[in-house]
């Protein structure tokens, strides 16, 4: 896979609202302050993760009922030292769905979120943050397998998906944004914002 510059992509990404703009700023500060460890789980303050909202050709959404978190959510996971978050997202989707025939829709980041992760009960891990970089990925095959990280997977209409993820603001925003993509509004998919593109000078 071609090289992907996460920091550059974040700087060029247009947030859909102020909540995402805040997440981008926080993620860029974290990257600047943790140049050597931002993508490593060993950084106990937090780390960059790669995730994806998975769709089919019609815009239906594949959701994951995460075993550990006990919620419906998109697919994703730790970078484990890999700075190419696009590659991380593809890897995680393949591992968690068993689908290998995948296509990233668009060349840009789809959504950025910051999650507060509680201290681990089964592992010695303090409370920390996941700086989550999301992509929109199309499954060209729709048959899936359930990995050990999930209790079940489910293909849903966008309306069904919104009900399953109710309470998760970031995942809700991604589903709504994916509907715009499939409503032939690709040219203005990032226009639902009052915030301008994050300027490089804020983070130098």
C-alpha atoms as a PDB file:
ATOM      1  CA  UNK A   1       0.000   0.000   0.000  1.00  0.00           C
ATOM      2  CA  UNK A   2       1.172   3.493  -0.843  1.00  0.00           C
ATOM      3  CA  UNK A   3       2.546   5.665   1.936  1.00  0.00           C
ATOM      4  CA  UNK A   4      -0.016   7.535   3.984  1.00  0.00           C
ATOM      5  CA  UNK A   5       0.923  10.563   6.074  1.00  0.00           C
ATOM      6  CA  UNK A   6      -1.520  10.643   8.988  1.00  0.00           C
ATOM      7  CA  UNK A   7      -0.495  14.084  10.239  1.00  0.00           C
ATOM      8  CA  UNK A   8      -0.746  15.668   6.780  1.00  0.00           C
ATOM      9  CA  UNK A   9      -4.109  14.002   6.179  1.00  0.00           C
ATOM     10  CA  UNK A  10      -5.438  15.340   9.479  1.00  0.00           C
ATOM     11  CA  UNK A  11      -4.295  18.852   8.629  1.00  0.00           C
ATOM     12  CA  UNK A  12      -6.089  18.681   5.280  1.00  0.00           C
ATOM     13  CA  UNK A  13      -9.267  17.079   6.614  1.00  0.00           C
ATOM     14  CA  UNK A  14     -12.435  19.208   6.829  1.00  0.00           C
ATOM     15  CA  UNK A  15     -14.333  18.440  10.054  1.00  0.00           C
ATOM     16  CA  UNK A  16     -18.098  18.087   9.785  1.00  0.00           C
ATOM     17  CA  UNK A  17     -18.731  19.977  13.027  1.00  0.00           C
ATOM     18  CA  UNK A  18     -16.978  21.577  15.979  1.00  0.00           C
ATOM     19  CA  UNK A  19     -16.822  18.294  17.893  1.00  0.00           C
ATOM     20  CA  UNK A  20     -14.732  16.714  15.148  1.00  0.00           C
ATOM     21  CA  UNK A  21     -12.640  19.873  14.781  1.00  0.00           C
ATOM     22  CA  UNK A  22     -11.787  19.627  18.483  1.00  0.00           C
ATOM     23  CA  UNK A  23     -10.844  15.953  18.047  1.00  0.00           C
ATOM     24  CA  UNK A  24      -8.536  16.839  15.157  1.00  0.00           C
ATOM     25  CA  UNK A  25      -6.797  19.560  17.164  1.00  0.00           C
ATOM     26  CA  UNK A  26      -6.344  17.226  20.124  1.00  0.00           C
ATOM     27  CA  UNK A  27      -5.012  14.433  17.903  1.00  0.00           C
ATOM     28  CA  UNK A  28      -2.527  16.737  16.167  1.00  0.00           C
ATOM     29  CA  UNK A  29      -1.249  18.010  19.515  1.00  0.00           C
ATOM     30  CA  UNK A  30      -0.839  14.426  20.675  1.00  0.00           C
ATOM     31  CA  UNK A  31       1.109  13.574  17.514  1.00  0.00           C
ATOM     32  CA  UNK A  32       3.386  16.579  17.930  1.00  0.00           C
ATOM     33  CA  UNK A  33       4.037  15.804  21.601  1.00  0.00           C
ATOM     34  CA  UNK A  34       4.656  12.080  21.082  1.00  0.00           C
ATOM     35  CA  UNK A  35       6.627  11.832  17.856  1.00  0.00           C
ATOM     36  CA  UNK A  36       8.224   8.470  18.698  1.00  0.00           C
ATOM     37  CA  UNK A  37       5.392   6.719  20.523  1.00  0.00           C
ATOM     38  CA  UNK A  38       2.078   8.044  19.181  1.00  0.00           C
ATOM     39  CA  UNK A  39       1.332   4.822  17.285  1.00  0.00           C
ATOM     40  CA  UNK A  40       2.508   2.453  20.021  1.00  0.00           C
ATOM     41  CA  UNK A  41       0.360   0.841  22.696  1.00  0.00           C
ATOM     42  CA  UNK A  42       3.246   1.326  25.125  1.00  0.00           C
ATOM     43  CA  UNK A  43       2.332   5.005  25.324  1.00  0.00           C
ATOM     44  CA  UNK A  44       0.043   4.717  28.312  1.00  0.00           C
ATOM     45  CA  UNK A  45      -1.409   8.202  27.948  1.00  0.00           C
ATOM     46  CA  UNK A  46      -2.935   7.203  24.621  1.00  0.00           C
ATOM     47  CA  UNK A  47      -2.237   6.111  21.072  1.00  0.00           C
ATOM     48  CA  UNK A  48      -3.399   6.508  17.476  1.00  0.00           C
ATOM     49  CA  UNK A  49      -5.851   3.842  16.322  1.00  0.00           C
ATOM     50  CA  UNK A  50      -7.126   3.008  12.831  1.00  0.00           C
ATOM     51  CA  UNK A  51     -10.795   2.277  12.214  1.00  0.00           C
ATOM     52  CA  UNK A  52     -13.391   2.120   9.451  1.00  0.00           C
ATOM     53  CA  UNK A  53     -17.079   2.303   8.766  1.00  0.00           C
ATOM     54  CA  UNK A  54     -17.760  -0.656   6.461  1.00  0.00           C
ATOM     55  CA  UNK A  55     -20.432  -0.336   3.778  1.00  0.00           C
ATOM     56  CA  UNK A  56     -21.662  -2.319   0.795  1.00  0.00           C
ATOM     57  CA  UNK A  57     -22.327  -0.964  -2.704  1.00  0.00           C
ATOM     58  CA  UNK A  58     -25.777   0.312  -1.682  1.00  0.00           C
ATOM     59  CA  UNK A  59     -24.715   2.054   1.507  1.00  0.00           C
ATOM     60  CA  UNK A  60     -25.792  -0.630   3.964  1.00  0.00           C
ATOM     61  CA  UNK A  61     -23.518  -0.783   6.989  1.00  0.00           C
ATOM     62  CA  UNK A  62     -21.745  -3.697   8.638  1.00  0.00           C
ATOM     63  CA  UNK A  63     -21.600  -3.225  12.403  1.00  0.00           C
ATOM     64  CA  UNK A  64     -19.649  -5.068  15.054  1.00  0.00           C
ATOM     65  CA  UNK A  65     -21.013  -5.954  18.481  1.00  0.00           C
ATOM     66  CA  UNK A  66     -17.733  -5.643  20.359  1.00  0.00           C
ATOM     67  CA  UNK A  67     -17.313  -8.367  22.963  1.00  0.00           C
ATOM     68  CA  UNK A  68     -15.214  -6.398  25.433  1.00  0.00           C
ATOM     69  CA  UNK A  69     -17.029  -3.065  25.147  1.00  0.00           C
ATOM     70  CA  UNK A  70     -20.488  -4.671  24.802  1.00  0.00           C
ATOM     71  CA  UNK A  71     -21.647  -2.083  22.271  1.00  0.00           C
ATOM     72  CA  UNK A  72     -22.347  -1.880  18.539  1.00  0.00           C
ATOM     73  CA  UNK A  73     -19.570   0.041  16.828  1.00  0.00           C
ATOM     74  CA  UNK A  74     -17.441   0.321  13.689  1.00  0.00           C
ATOM     75  CA  UNK A  75     -14.342  -1.848  13.157  1.00  0.00           C
ATOM     76  CA  UNK A  76     -10.851  -0.854  14.237  1.00  0.00           C
ATOM     77  CA  UNK A  77      -7.919  -1.376  16.514  1.00  0.00           C
ATOM     78  CA  UNK A  78      -4.422  -0.509  17.663  1.00  0.00           C
ATOM     79  CA  UNK A  79      -1.741   0.642  15.257  1.00  0.00           C
ATOM     80  CA  UNK A  80       0.935  -1.482  16.978  1.00  0.00           C
ATOM     81  CA  UNK A  81       3.661   0.815  15.676  1.00  0.00           C
ATOM     82  CA  UNK A  82       2.271   1.182  12.141  1.00  0.00           C
ATOM     83  CA  UNK A  83       2.095   4.888  11.247  1.00  0.00           C
ATOM     84  CA  UNK A  84      -0.017   4.262   8.136  1.00  0.00           C
ATOM     85  CA  UNK A  85      -3.469   4.438   9.707  1.00  0.00           C
ATOM     86  CA  UNK A  86      -5.129   3.619   6.389  1.00  0.00           C
ATOM     87  CA  UNK A  87      -3.258   0.311   6.354  1.00  0.00           C
ATOM     88  CA  UNK A  88      -4.203  -0.269  10.000  1.00  0.00           C
ATOM     89  CA  UNK A  89      -7.888   0.260   9.229  1.00  0.00           C
ATOM     90  CA  UNK A  90      -7.773  -2.209   6.323  1.00  0.00           C
ATOM     91  CA  UNK A  91      -5.921  -4.762   8.440  1.00  0.00           C
ATOM     92  CA  UNK A  92      -8.420  -4.487  11.285  1.00  0.00           C
ATOM     93  CA  UNK A  93     -11.441  -4.827   8.990  1.00  0.00           C
ATOM     94  CA  UNK A  94      -9.951  -7.942   7.384  1.00  0.00           C
ATOM     95  CA  UNK A  95      -9.162  -9.490  10.764  1.00  0.00           C
ATOM     96  CA  UNK A  96     -12.525  -8.666  12.330  1.00  0.00           C
ATOM     97  CA  UNK A  97     -14.793  -9.538   9.373  1.00  0.00           C
ATOM     98  CA  UNK A  98     -12.876 -12.173   7.420  1.00  0.00           C
ATOM     99  CA  UNK A  99     -13.543 -10.101   4.278  1.00  0.00           C
ATOM    100  CA  UNK A 100     -10.429  -9.615   2.174  1.00  0.00           C
ATOM    101  CA  UNK A 101     -11.986  -7.958  -0.888  1.00  0.00           C
ATOM    102  CA  UNK A 102     -12.131  -4.374   0.356  1.00  0.00           C
ATOM    103  CA  UNK A 103     -11.960  -0.930  -1.206  1.00  0.00           C
ATOM    104  CA  UNK A 104     -11.277   2.373   0.543  1.00  0.00           C
ATOM    105  CA  UNK A 105     -13.723   4.999  -0.710  1.00  0.00           C
ATOM    106  CA  UNK A 106     -11.922   8.280  -1.209  1.00  0.00           C
ATOM    107  CA  UNK A 107      -8.326   9.216  -0.517  1.00  0.00           C
ATOM    108  CA  UNK A 108      -8.994  11.142   2.654  1.00  0.00           C
ATOM    109  CA  UNK A 109      -9.716  10.495   6.287  1.00  0.00           C
ATOM    110  CA  UNK A 110     -13.442   9.963   6.770  1.00  0.00           C
ATOM    111  CA  UNK A 111     -13.737  10.949  10.434  1.00  0.00           C
ATOM    112  CA  UNK A 112     -11.599  11.676  13.496  1.00  0.00           C
ATOM    113  CA  UNK A 113     -12.683  10.979  17.070  1.00  0.00           C
ATOM    114  CA  UNK A 114     -11.087  10.815  20.503  1.00  0.00           C
ATOM    115  CA  UNK A 115     -12.279   8.147  22.932  1.00  0.00           C
ATOM    116  CA  UNK A 116     -11.658   7.921  26.669  1.00  0.00           C
ATOM    117  CA  UNK A 117     -10.768   4.292  27.408  1.00  0.00           C
ATOM    118  CA  UNK A 118     -11.249   3.075  30.990  1.00  0.00           C
ATOM    119  CA  UNK A 119      -8.562   1.141  32.826  1.00  0.00           C
ATOM    120  CA  UNK A 120      -8.356  -2.481  31.719  1.00  0.00           C
ATOM    121  CA  UNK A 121      -9.731  -5.097  34.072  1.00  0.00           C
ATOM    122  CA  UNK A 122      -8.058  -8.108  32.493  1.00  0.00           C
ATOM    123  CA  UNK A 123      -4.780  -6.403  31.588  1.00  0.00           C
ATOM    124  CA  UNK A 124      -2.545  -3.986  33.443  1.00  0.00           C
ATOM    125  CA  UNK A 125      -3.546  -0.904  31.458  1.00  0.00           C
ATOM    126  CA  UNK A 126      -4.415   2.509  32.911  1.00  0.00           C
ATOM    127  CA  UNK A 127      -7.179   4.743  31.638  1.00  0.00           C
ATOM    128  CA  UNK A 128      -6.036   6.373  28.395  1.00  0.00           C
ATOM    129  CA  UNK A 129      -7.216   7.868  25.098  1.00  0.00           C
ATOM    130  CA  UNK A 130      -7.672   6.446  21.620  1.00  0.00           C
ATOM    131  CA  UNK A 131      -7.064   9.019  18.906  1.00  0.00           C
ATOM    132  CA  UNK A 132      -9.155   7.252  16.293  1.00  0.00           C
ATOM    133  CA  UNK A 133      -8.612   7.844  12.566  1.00  0.00           C
ATOM    134  CA  UNK A 134     -11.520   6.478  10.516  1.00  0.00           C
ATOM    135  CA  UNK A 135     -11.946   5.616   6.847  1.00  0.00           C
ATOM    136  CA  UNK A 136     -14.920   4.619   4.717  1.00  0.00           C
ATOM    137  CA  UNK A 137     -14.360   1.110   3.376  1.00  0.00           C
ATOM    138  CA  UNK A 138     -16.556  -0.805   0.944  1.00  0.00           C
ATOM    139  CA  UNK A 139     -16.819  -4.573   1.298  1.00  0.00           C
ATOM    140  CA  UNK A 140     -16.887  -6.001  -2.224  1.00  0.00           C
ATOM    141  CA  UNK A 141     -17.904  -9.342  -0.713  1.00  0.00           C
ATOM    142  CA  UNK A 142     -20.626  -9.270   1.922  1.00  0.00           C
ATOM    143  CA  UNK A 143     -20.172 -12.700   3.528  1.00  0.00           C
ATOM    144  CA  UNK A 144     -18.380 -12.331   6.853  1.00  0.00           C
ATOM    145  CA  UNK A 145     -17.029 -14.378   9.723  1.00  0.00           C
ATOM    146  CA  UNK A 146     -17.226 -13.365  13.374  1.00  0.00           C
ATOM    147  CA  UNK A 147     -13.835 -12.959  15.056  1.00  0.00           C
ATOM    148  CA  UNK A 148     -13.066 -13.622  18.699  1.00  0.00           C
ATOM    149  CA  UNK A 149     -13.292  -9.879  19.361  1.00  0.00           C
ATOM    150  CA  UNK A 150     -17.022  -9.764  18.539  1.00  0.00           C
ATOM    151  CA  UNK A 151     -20.207 -11.421  19.724  1.00  0.00           C
ATOM    152  CA  UNK A 152     -21.886 -10.843  16.368  1.00  0.00           C
ATOM    153  CA  UNK A 153     -21.748  -8.822  13.149  1.00  0.00           C
ATOM    154  CA  UNK A 154     -24.768  -7.486  11.303  1.00  0.00           C
ATOM    155  CA  UNK A 155     -25.504  -5.846   7.974  1.00  0.00           C
ATOM    156  CA  UNK A 156     -27.941  -2.975   8.582  1.00  0.00           C
ATOM    157  CA  UNK A 157     -29.689  -0.235   6.716  1.00  0.00           C
ATOM    158  CA  UNK A 158     -28.432   3.203   7.802  1.00  0.00           C
ATOM    159  CA  UNK A 159     -31.624   3.668   9.813  1.00  0.00           C
ATOM    160  CA  UNK A 160     -31.136   0.346  11.619  1.00  0.00           C
ATOM    161  CA  UNK A 161     -27.478   1.170  12.221  1.00  0.00           C
ATOM    162  CA  UNK A 162     -28.354   4.532  13.779  1.00  0.00           C
ATOM    163  CA  UNK A 163     -30.599   2.767  16.287  1.00  0.00           C
ATOM    164  CA  UNK A 164     -27.915   0.233  17.202  1.00  0.00           C
ATOM    165  CA  UNK A 165     -25.232   2.855  17.830  1.00  0.00           C
ATOM    166  CA  UNK A 166     -27.520   5.330  19.588  1.00  0.00           C
ATOM    167  CA  UNK A 167     -25.496   7.111  22.253  1.00  0.00           C
ATOM    168  CA  UNK A 168     -22.211   6.848  20.333  1.00  0.00           C
ATOM    169  CA  UNK A 169     -21.984  10.316  18.810  1.00  0.00           C
ATOM    170  CA  UNK A 170     -18.923   9.640  16.660  1.00  0.00           C
ATOM    171  CA  UNK A 171     -20.324   6.487  15.064  1.00  0.00           C
ATOM    172  CA  UNK A 172     -23.655   8.242  14.520  1.00  0.00           C
ATOM    173  CA  UNK A 173     -21.885  11.085  12.706  1.00  0.00           C
ATOM    174  CA  UNK A 174     -20.063   8.602  10.478  1.00  0.00           C
ATOM    175  CA  UNK A 175     -23.271   6.818   9.520  1.00  0.00           C
ATOM    176  CA  UNK A 176     -24.970  10.104   8.667  1.00  0.00           C
ATOM    177  CA  UNK A 177     -21.940  11.176   6.635  1.00  0.00           C
ATOM    178  CA  UNK A 178     -21.940   7.854   4.750  1.00  0.00           C
ATOM    179  CA  UNK A 179     -25.566   8.471   3.745  1.00  0.00           C
ATOM    180  CA  UNK A 180     -24.482  11.698   2.061  1.00  0.00           C
ATOM    181  CA  UNK A 181     -21.838   9.755   0.164  1.00  0.00           C
ATOM    182  CA  UNK A 182     -24.435   7.357  -1.187  1.00  0.00           C
ATOM    183  CA  UNK A 183     -26.896  10.121  -1.969  1.00  0.00           C
ATOM    184  CA  UNK A 184     -24.554  11.251  -4.767  1.00  0.00           C
ATOM    185  CA  UNK A 185     -23.279  14.223  -2.810  1.00  0.00           C
ATOM    186  CA  UNK A 186     -19.616  13.276  -2.880  1.00  0.00           C
ATOM    187  CA  UNK A 187     -18.645  16.794  -3.942  1.00  0.00           C
ATOM    188  CA  UNK A 188     -20.020  18.387  -0.771  1.00  0.00           C
ATOM    189  CA  UNK A 189     -19.563  15.566   1.722  1.00  0.00           C
ATOM    190  CA  UNK A 190     -17.522  17.872   3.975  1.00  0.00           C
ATOM    191  CA  UNK A 191     -19.617  21.005   3.575  1.00  0.00           C
ATOM    192  CA  UNK A 192     -21.851  20.496   6.613  1.00  0.00           C
ATOM    193  CA  UNK A 193     -19.514  22.533   8.791  1.00  0.00           C
ATOM    194  CA  UNK A 194     -19.119  25.937  10.285  1.00  0.00           C
ATOM    195  CA  UNK A 195     -15.432  25.303  10.892  1.00  0.00           C
ATOM    196  CA  UNK A 196     -12.802  25.883   8.219  1.00  0.00           C
ATOM    197  CA  UNK A 197      -9.978  23.479   7.399  1.00  0.00           C
ATOM    198  CA  UNK A 198      -7.590  23.065  10.314  1.00  0.00           C
ATOM    199  CA  UNK A 199      -4.705  25.404   9.589  1.00  0.00           C
ATOM    200  CA  UNK A 200      -1.158  24.077   9.754  1.00  0.00           C
ATOM    201  CA  UNK A 201       0.053  27.098  11.691  1.00  0.00           C
ATOM    202  CA  UNK A 202      -1.967  26.054  14.736  1.00  0.00           C
ATOM    203  CA  UNK A 203       0.222  23.016  15.252  1.00  0.00           C
ATOM    204  CA  UNK A 204       3.717  24.113  14.251  1.00  0.00           C
END
